[in-house]
């Protein structure tokens, strides 16, 4: 199973509804004119001559010039920020806004460290939550995120997925992990979850167009106390209410230029008849695919960007198998995957569009192609089989 998913039985939940300050500066200036007076004296007065008449002239008054009228100075035009070159978080909040480390520490009763939650599944579609701009908040007692539901350390995390539709949430709840999960009407009509009686507490909800996934775990063999269960329920209720108050998410990031068409079904990759012919076998059938208990993303976020994965296999006769996954707009995540799982020895490989890399691991041949801001990953049981099926799959998802 790729990602824990589940469903609640019973009636489905009803869907929920969802400054330019211009400063004008004026500079006023005035010019004031001044007058002068001159007095002329005759020189003979100094030598006893008749006192000359004194003539007095008056300088004309100079009127002050008119003040210029106030003029508005337009503020400089703000330079817009450059468009992002890769997916960005679309949830208009931070972890501290919603539920932060102090909340987690108070419940788990020990210091916690904020950590990143790495995706280690060898599947491009598994990065769909990040691709659609989800907000993921993870705190761990050992500074490492847990990788299984029964982890060996304390952990509390939640993910807010934007753009979740009613149908996507409904489909997600049909997965195996949630099929028997009780509803939580005290939280919301759509909430499912369970807390108590074990060292795992988990909830999901569909709130205001966002999908909310919450989980807290204790080391194997530990059980949450009644007080911790009460605190976890209260924290989940507060988190749920804060998500309900969030404004609409930011627009979904898309590449500026061409990108992959992606896939929404196994047939979008290739057909079983085509696989039979290319692999020299008969009876290739769809074995597993994205969705339900095999969903590689939360709340089927993959459907927002036409990300998908599918695997095929034969039941009898000559054996052959293949798996393909695609993530349009997700080129950046191939490098993240290489860091998260260094066990792959990826080697640059010519002959494909964009940048191509091949690797062999556990007897399986792997191909990753990064092209048009997208990522395609294909695997097969032999190198020859991989080379036979890859061109068709790549062409069908737009990697030309």
Protein backbone atom coordinates (compact mmCIF):
# COMPACT_ATOMS: atom_id res chain seq x y z
CA UNK A 1 0.00 0.00 0.00
CA UNK A 2 1.42 3.37 -0.99
CA UNK A 3 -0.46 5.83 1.20
CA UNK A 4 -2.90 5.15 4.01
CA UNK A 5 -6.37 5.88 2.76
CA UNK A 6 -9.83 4.98 3.96
CA UNK A 7 -13.53 5.56 3.93
CA UNK A 8 -16.39 5.96 6.26
CA UNK A 9 -19.55 4.11 5.54
CA UNK A 10 -22.94 5.68 5.67
CA UNK A 11 -24.33 8.85 4.31
CA UNK A 12 -21.81 11.15 2.80
CA UNK A 13 -21.23 14.56 4.11
CA UNK A 14 -22.72 17.69 2.62
CA UNK A 15 -20.24 20.01 0.86
CA UNK A 16 -19.29 23.30 2.53
CA UNK A 17 -19.52 26.65 1.18
CA UNK A 18 -16.07 28.91 0.89
CA UNK A 19 -4.81 48.47 -0.80
CA UNK A 20 -3.16 50.52 -2.68
CA UNK A 21 -2.54 53.40 -0.48
CA UNK A 22 -1.64 56.31 -2.67
CA UNK A 23 0.29 58.97 -0.83
CA UNK A 24 0.22 62.26 -2.64
CA UNK A 25 2.95 64.75 -1.73
CA UNK A 26 2.72 68.42 -2.78
CA UNK A 27 5.52 70.90 -2.52
CA UNK A 28 4.44 74.51 -2.23
CA UNK A 29 6.88 77.32 -3.15
CA UNK A 30 6.43 81.09 -2.94
CA UNK A 31 8.48 83.89 -4.27
CA UNK A 32 8.22 87.25 -2.50
CA UNK A 33 9.43 90.47 -4.22
CA UNK A 34 10.80 93.40 -2.16
CA UNK A 35 10.91 97.16 -2.84
CA UNK A 36 13.90 99.59 -2.43
CA UNK A 37 14.07 103.42 -1.99
CA UNK A 38 16.85 105.71 -3.21
CA UNK A 39 17.72 109.23 -1.90
CA UNK A 40 19.73 111.59 -4.14
CA UNK A 41 21.76 114.43 -2.53
CA UNK A 42 23.33 117.33 -4.51
CA UNK A 43 27.10 117.74 -4.02
CA UNK A 44 26.96 121.63 -3.63
CA UNK A 45 25.39 121.37 -0.22
CA UNK A 46 28.78 120.51 1.16
CA UNK A 47 30.32 123.79 -0.08
CA UNK A 48 27.76 126.30 1.16
CA UNK A 49 25.76 126.61 -2.02
CA UNK A 50 22.07 126.82 -2.12
CA UNK A 51 20.55 123.78 -0.74
CA UNK A 52 19.31 121.90 -3.70
CA UNK A 53 15.86 120.54 -3.71
CA UNK A 54 15.72 117.03 -2.65
CA UNK A 55 13.88 114.86 -5.04
CA UNK A 56 12.56 111.59 -3.76
CA UNK A 57 11.60 108.74 -5.97
CA UNK A 58 9.71 105.70 -4.90
CA UNK A 59 10.49 102.34 -6.30
CA UNK A 60 7.42 100.69 -7.64
CA UNK A 61 6.11 97.90 -5.51
CA UNK A 62 6.84 94.48 -6.95
CA UNK A 63 3.94 92.18 -6.56
CA UNK A 64 4.83 88.75 -5.23
CA UNK A 65 4.61 86.08 -7.81
CA UNK A 66 1.73 83.71 -7.53
CA UNK A 67 2.31 80.46 -5.70
CA UNK A 68 2.41 77.44 -7.92
CA UNK A 69 -0.55 75.19 -7.54
CA UNK A 70 -0.06 71.96 -5.67
CA UNK A 71 0.85 69.08 -7.96
CA UNK A 72 0.29 65.42 -7.25
CA UNK A 73 3.32 63.19 -7.52
CA UNK A 74 2.42 59.69 -8.48
CA UNK A 75 4.11 57.04 -6.37
CA UNK A 76 6.62 54.87 -8.17
CA UNK A 77 5.13 51.82 -9.77
CA UNK A 78 5.87 48.79 -7.65
CA UNK A 79 7.91 46.17 -9.41
CA UNK A 80 5.97 42.92 -9.25
CA UNK A 81 7.83 40.00 -7.75
CA UNK A 82 9.19 37.54 -10.26
CA UNK A 83 6.92 34.65 -11.05
CA UNK A 84 7.89 31.52 -9.11
CA UNK A 85 9.80 28.96 -11.12
CA UNK A 86 8.47 25.97 -9.23
CA UNK A 87 5.44 24.96 -7.14
CA UNK A 88 4.73 27.02 -4.03
CA UNK A 89 2.67 26.47 -0.88
CA UNK A 90 -0.84 27.70 -1.63
CA UNK A 91 -2.29 27.47 1.88
CA UNK A 92 -2.51 31.05 3.27
CA UNK A 93 -1.22 30.15 6.73
CA UNK A 94 1.83 28.85 8.56
CA UNK A 95 2.18 25.95 10.93
CA UNK A 96 2.36 28.35 13.88
CA UNK A 97 -0.87 29.98 12.71
CA UNK A 98 -2.73 26.69 12.86
CA UNK A 99 -1.14 24.44 15.46
CA UNK A 100 2.50 24.83 16.40
CA UNK A 101 5.26 23.07 18.24
CA UNK A 102 4.07 24.14 21.69
CA UNK A 103 0.73 22.50 21.09
CA UNK A 104 2.47 19.29 20.10
CA UNK A 105 4.95 19.38 22.98
CA UNK A 106 2.20 19.92 25.54
CA UNK A 107 0.45 16.79 24.37
CA UNK A 108 3.41 14.48 23.80
CA UNK A 109 5.14 15.82 26.94
CA UNK A 110 8.66 16.10 25.55
CA UNK A 111 10.70 18.51 23.38
CA UNK A 112 10.01 18.19 19.68
CA UNK A 113 11.92 19.24 16.58
CA UNK A 114 10.37 20.56 13.37
CA UNK A 115 11.36 18.25 10.54
CA UNK A 116 10.63 17.84 6.84
CA UNK A 117 8.66 14.82 5.78
CA UNK A 118 10.60 13.18 2.94
CA UNK A 119 8.90 11.28 0.16
CA UNK A 120 10.83 8.07 -0.41
CA UNK A 121 8.32 6.19 -2.54
CA UNK A 122 9.75 5.58 -6.03
CA UNK A 123 6.73 7.08 -7.74
CA UNK A 124 6.46 10.54 -9.32
CA UNK A 125 2.78 10.79 -8.39
CA UNK A 126 3.71 10.46 -4.71
CA UNK A 127 4.90 14.09 -4.83
CA UNK A 128 1.46 15.37 -5.81
CA UNK A 129 0.69 16.84 -2.38
CA UNK A 130 3.75 19.07 -2.66
CA UNK A 131 3.03 19.80 -6.32
CA UNK A 132 -0.44 21.23 -5.55
CA UNK A 133 0.96 23.47 -2.77
CA UNK A 134 0.05 21.63 0.41
CA UNK A 135 1.21 22.81 3.84
CA UNK A 136 2.87 20.03 5.81
CA UNK A 137 3.85 20.43 9.47
CA UNK A 138 5.83 17.68 11.20
CA UNK A 139 7.40 17.55 14.66
CA UNK A 140 9.40 14.62 16.00
CA UNK A 141 10.89 13.72 19.35
CA UNK A 142 14.01 12.30 17.71
CA UNK A 143 14.37 14.89 14.98
CA UNK A 144 13.33 12.40 12.32
CA UNK A 145 9.86 11.91 10.84
CA UNK A 146 8.31 8.50 11.22
CA UNK A 147 8.03 6.31 8.17
CA UNK A 148 5.45 3.80 9.39
CA UNK A 149 2.28 4.11 11.39
CA UNK A 150 3.91 2.20 14.21
CA UNK A 151 6.99 4.39 14.52
CA UNK A 152 9.74 4.04 17.09
CA UNK A 153 9.54 7.63 18.32
CA UNK A 154 7.13 10.41 19.15
CA UNK A 155 5.67 12.26 16.20
CA UNK A 156 2.87 14.72 15.45
CA UNK A 157 2.08 15.99 11.98
CA UNK A 158 -0.67 17.37 9.83
CA UNK A 159 -1.07 18.27 6.18
CA UNK A 160 -3.46 20.81 4.66
CA UNK A 161 -4.19 20.06 1.00
CA UNK A 162 -5.76 22.89 -1.05
CA UNK A 163 -8.26 22.47 -3.83
CA UNK A 164 -9.92 19.29 -2.57
CA UNK A 165 -13.31 18.73 -4.17
CA UNK A 166 -16.23 16.86 -2.65
CA UNK A 167 -15.80 14.00 -5.10
CA UNK A 168 -12.05 13.72 -4.48
CA UNK A 169 -12.60 13.55 -0.72
CA UNK A 170 -15.39 11.02 -1.13
CA UNK A 171 -13.20 8.83 -3.32
CA UNK A 172 -10.34 9.07 -0.85
CA UNK A 173 -12.53 7.87 2.00
CA UNK A 174 -13.26 4.69 0.03
CA UNK A 175 -9.71 3.44 0.56
CA UNK A 176 -8.94 0.44 2.72
CA UNK A 177 -7.40 2.31 5.63
CA UNK A 178 -10.55 4.37 6.21
CA UNK A 179 -13.35 2.05 5.21
CA UNK A 180 -14.20 1.16 8.80
CA UNK A 181 -13.12 4.44 10.41
CA UNK A 182 -15.85 5.98 12.57
CA UNK A 183 -17.25 9.37 11.74
CA UNK A 184 -16.54 12.23 14.14
CA UNK A 185 -19.70 14.38 14.10
CA UNK A 186 -18.38 16.53 16.94
CA UNK A 187 -15.67 17.67 14.53
CA UNK A 188 -17.69 17.99 11.33
CA UNK A 189 -20.11 15.97 9.21
CA UNK A 190 -17.23 14.91 6.93
CA UNK A 191 -14.68 14.02 9.60
CA UNK A 192 -13.39 10.50 10.12
CA UNK A 193 -10.88 9.30 12.66
CA UNK A 194 -10.01 7.49 15.79
CA UNK A 195 -7.96 8.26 18.86
CA UNK A 196 -7.43 6.18 21.97
CA UNK A 197 -6.59 2.63 22.86
CA UNK A 198 -3.28 2.71 20.98
CA UNK A 199 -0.26 4.83 20.23
CA UNK A 200 -1.78 6.20 17.05
CA UNK A 201 -4.29 9.03 16.75
CA UNK A 202 -5.48 10.08 13.30
CA UNK A 203 -8.21 12.21 11.72
CA UNK A 204 -9.19 13.39 8.26
CA UNK A 205 -11.69 16.07 7.30
CA UNK A 206 -12.88 18.11 4.32
CA UNK A 207 -13.04 21.73 5.45
CA UNK A 208 -13.73 24.82 3.33
CA UNK A 209 -12.23 23.28 0.20
CA UNK A 210 -9.18 21.99 2.05
CA UNK A 211 -8.36 18.43 2.97
CA UNK A 212 -7.02 18.01 6.52
CA UNK A 213 -4.94 15.00 7.52
CA UNK A 214 -3.77 14.79 11.14
CA UNK A 215 -1.86 12.09 12.96
CA UNK A 216 0.08 11.66 16.19
CA UNK A 217 2.09 8.57 17.08
CA UNK A 218 3.97 7.11 20.02
CA UNK A 219 6.77 4.54 20.06
CA UNK A 220 5.72 0.97 19.42
CA UNK A 221 3.96 -0.56 22.41
CA UNK A 222 2.96 2.80 23.90
CA UNK A 223 -0.59 4.01 24.36
CA UNK A 224 -2.00 7.51 24.62
CA UNK A 225 -3.37 8.31 28.06
CA UNK A 226 -6.94 9.46 28.50
CA UNK A 227 -5.67 12.99 29.14
CA UNK A 228 -3.60 12.92 25.93
CA UNK A 229 -6.58 11.66 23.96
CA UNK A 230 -8.67 14.54 25.28
CA UNK A 231 -5.94 17.04 24.38
CA UNK A 232 -5.56 15.55 20.91
CA UNK A 233 -9.29 15.79 20.31
CA UNK A 234 -9.27 19.43 21.45
CA UNK A 235 -6.26 20.22 19.25
CA UNK A 236 -7.88 18.64 16.23
CA UNK A 237 -11.06 20.63 16.84
CA UNK A 238 -9.07 23.90 17.04
CA UNK A 239 -7.10 23.01 13.93
CA UNK A 240 -10.26 22.12 12.07
CA UNK A 241 -11.90 25.43 13.05
CA UNK A 242 -8.86 27.46 11.95
CA UNK A 243 -8.76 25.74 8.57
CA UNK A 244 -12.46 26.49 8.20
CA UNK A 245 -11.65 30.22 8.55
CA UNK A 246 -8.91 30.23 5.90
CA UNK A 247 -9.49 32.26 2.72
CA UNK A 248 -9.34 30.56 -0.65
CA UNK A 249 -5.93 29.12 -1.57
CA UNK A 250 -3.51 30.87 -3.90
CA UNK A 251 -3.76 29.90 -7.59
CA UNK A 252 -2.25 26.59 -8.57
CA UNK A 253 1.26 27.08 -9.97
CA UNK A 254 1.76 26.00 -13.55
CA UNK A 255 4.89 26.04 -15.73
CA UNK A 256 5.26 29.12 -17.93
CA UNK A 257 5.85 27.10 -21.07
CA UNK A 258 4.96 23.69 -22.37
CA UNK A 259 4.35 20.94 -19.88
CA UNK A 260 3.35 17.32 -19.93
CA UNK A 261 -0.20 16.23 -20.65
CA UNK A 262 -0.03 13.76 -17.80
CA UNK A 263 -2.43 10.89 -17.28
CA UNK A 264 -5.75 10.22 -15.58
CA UNK A 265 -5.94 6.49 -16.22
CA UNK A 266 -3.76 3.51 -17.11
CA UNK A 267 -4.86 3.71 -20.74
CA UNK A 268 -3.40 7.22 -20.92
CA UNK A 269 0.03 5.61 -20.50
CA UNK A 270 -0.39 2.65 -22.83
CA UNK A 271 -2.68 -0.27 -23.59
CA UNK A 272 -2.29 -3.86 -22.49
CA UNK A 273 -2.30 -5.06 -26.12
CA UNK A 274 0.55 -2.68 -26.86
CA UNK A 275 2.46 -3.99 -23.87
CA UNK A 276 1.93 -7.59 -24.99
CA UNK A 277 3.34 -6.79 -28.43
CA UNK A 278 6.29 -4.74 -27.17
CA UNK A 279 7.24 -7.21 -24.45
CA UNK A 280 6.61 -10.38 -26.46
CA UNK A 281 4.15 -11.78 -23.94
CA UNK A 282 0.42 -12.38 -23.65
CA UNK A 283 -2.01 -11.50 -20.91
CA UNK A 284 -0.59 -8.24 -19.62
CA UNK A 285 -3.19 -6.73 -17.31
CA UNK A 286 -3.52 -3.75 -15.02
CA UNK A 287 -2.27 -4.86 -11.63
CA UNK A 288 -2.53 -1.73 -9.47
CA UNK A 289 -3.20 1.93 -10.13
CA UNK A 290 -3.53 5.32 -8.49
CA UNK A 291 -6.66 5.58 -6.38
CA UNK A 292 -8.38 3.97 -3.42
CA UNK A 293 -6.05 2.06 -1.16
CA UNK A 294 -3.23 2.55 -3.68
CA UNK A 295 -3.54 6.33 -3.88
CA UNK A 296 -0.11 7.94 -3.88
CA UNK A 297 -1.42 11.28 -2.60
CA UNK A 298 -3.76 12.62 0.06
CA UNK A 299 -7.32 13.28 -1.03
CA UNK A 300 -6.39 12.46 -4.64
CA UNK A 301 -4.49 15.72 -5.02
CA UNK A 302 -2.83 14.05 -8.01
CA UNK A 303 -6.00 14.60 -10.04
CA UNK A 304 -5.52 18.39 -9.80
CA UNK A 305 -2.39 18.20 -11.99
CA UNK A 306 -3.03 15.01 -14.04
CA UNK A 307 -0.50 13.02 -12.06
CA UNK A 308 -1.07 9.28 -12.07
CA UNK A 309 0.62 5.92 -11.73
CA UNK A 310 -0.15 2.43 -12.98
CA UNK A 311 1.43 -1.03 -12.96
CA UNK A 312 0.91 -4.02 -15.24
CA UNK A 313 1.84 -7.67 -14.98
CA UNK A 314 1.26 -11.08 -16.55
CA UNK A 315 -0.42 -13.86 -14.60
CA UNK A 316 1.07 -16.82 -16.48
CA UNK A 317 3.41 -17.75 -19.27
CA UNK A 318 6.47 -15.59 -19.85
CA UNK A 319 6.58 -13.14 -17.00
CA UNK A 320 6.81 -9.40 -17.49
CA UNK A 321 5.94 -6.36 -15.44
CA UNK A 322 5.98 -2.61 -15.80
CA UNK A 323 5.09 0.51 -13.81
CA UNK A 324 4.77 4.11 -14.96
CA UNK A 325 4.11 7.36 -13.12
CA UNK A 326 3.93 10.97 -14.27
CA UNK A 327 3.90 14.35 -12.52
CA UNK A 328 3.33 17.37 -14.81
CA UNK A 329 5.02 20.47 -13.39
CA UNK A 330 6.98 18.32 -10.97
CA UNK A 331 10.49 18.29 -12.45
CA UNK A 332 11.97 19.75 -9.27
CA UNK A 333 10.94 16.70 -7.27
CA UNK A 334 13.22 14.27 -9.08
CA UNK A 335 16.25 15.85 -7.39
CA UNK A 336 14.42 15.73 -4.06
CA UNK A 337 13.77 12.04 -4.56
CA UNK A 338 17.42 11.38 -5.40
CA UNK A 339 18.40 12.93 -2.06
CA UNK A 340 15.68 11.12 -0.12
CA UNK A 341 16.65 7.71 -1.52
CA UNK A 342 20.37 7.55 -2.41
CA UNK A 343 20.16 3.80 -3.02
CA UNK A 344 19.46 4.52 -6.71
CA UNK A 345 22.56 4.99 -8.86
CA UNK A 346 21.07 7.32 -11.47
CA UNK A 347 23.19 7.68 -14.60
CA UNK A 348 22.61 10.23 -17.40
CA UNK A 349 21.23 8.41 -20.42
CA UNK A 350 20.97 9.77 -23.99
CA UNK A 351 18.22 9.03 -26.46
CA UNK A 352 15.26 10.59 -24.68
CA UNK A 353 13.68 14.03 -24.63
CA UNK A 354 14.86 16.37 -21.89
CA UNK A 355 17.16 14.87 -19.28
CA UNK A 356 17.02 11.13 -18.81
CA UNK A 357 18.55 8.95 -16.12
CA UNK A 358 18.58 5.18 -15.70
CA UNK A 359 19.31 2.98 -12.72
CA UNK A 360 19.17 -0.67 -11.75
CA UNK A 361 18.02 -1.66 -8.28
CA UNK A 362 16.92 -4.99 -6.87
CA UNK A 363 16.83 -6.52 -10.34
CA UNK A 364 14.52 -3.82 -11.69
CA UNK A 365 15.43 -1.41 -14.50
CA UNK A 366 14.40 2.21 -13.89
CA UNK A 367 14.12 5.29 -16.11
CA UNK A 368 13.43 8.87 -15.01
CA UNK A 369 12.86 11.58 -17.61
CA UNK A 370 12.71 15.27 -16.67
CA UNK A 371 11.25 17.31 -19.52
CA UNK A 372 9.02 20.37 -19.96
CA UNK A 373 8.97 20.98 -16.19
CA UNK A 374 7.57 17.50 -15.67
CA UNK A 375 8.82 14.15 -14.41
CA UNK A 376 8.10 10.67 -15.76
CA UNK A 377 9.31 7.48 -14.05
CA UNK A 378 9.11 4.06 -15.71
CA UNK A 379 10.31 0.69 -14.47
CA UNK A 380 10.32 -2.83 -15.89
CA UNK A 381 11.74 -6.21 -15.06
CA UNK A 382 14.58 -6.03 -17.59
CA UNK A 383 16.57 -3.34 -19.36
CA UNK A 384 15.34 -4.60 -22.74
CA UNK A 385 11.72 -4.48 -21.62
CA UNK A 386 12.20 -0.96 -20.30
CA UNK A 387 13.69 0.19 -23.60
CA UNK A 388 10.78 -1.41 -25.49
CA UNK A 389 7.93 0.26 -23.60
CA UNK A 390 9.42 3.63 -22.64
CA UNK A 391 9.05 5.51 -25.96
CA UNK A 392 5.31 4.83 -26.20
CA UNK A 393 4.61 5.77 -22.59
CA UNK A 394 6.68 8.93 -22.83
CA UNK A 395 4.98 10.02 -26.04
CA UNK A 396 1.51 9.38 -24.64
CA UNK A 397 2.05 11.60 -21.59
CA UNK A 398 3.53 14.38 -23.71
CA UNK A 399 7.26 13.80 -23.20
CA UNK A 400 8.16 14.23 -26.87
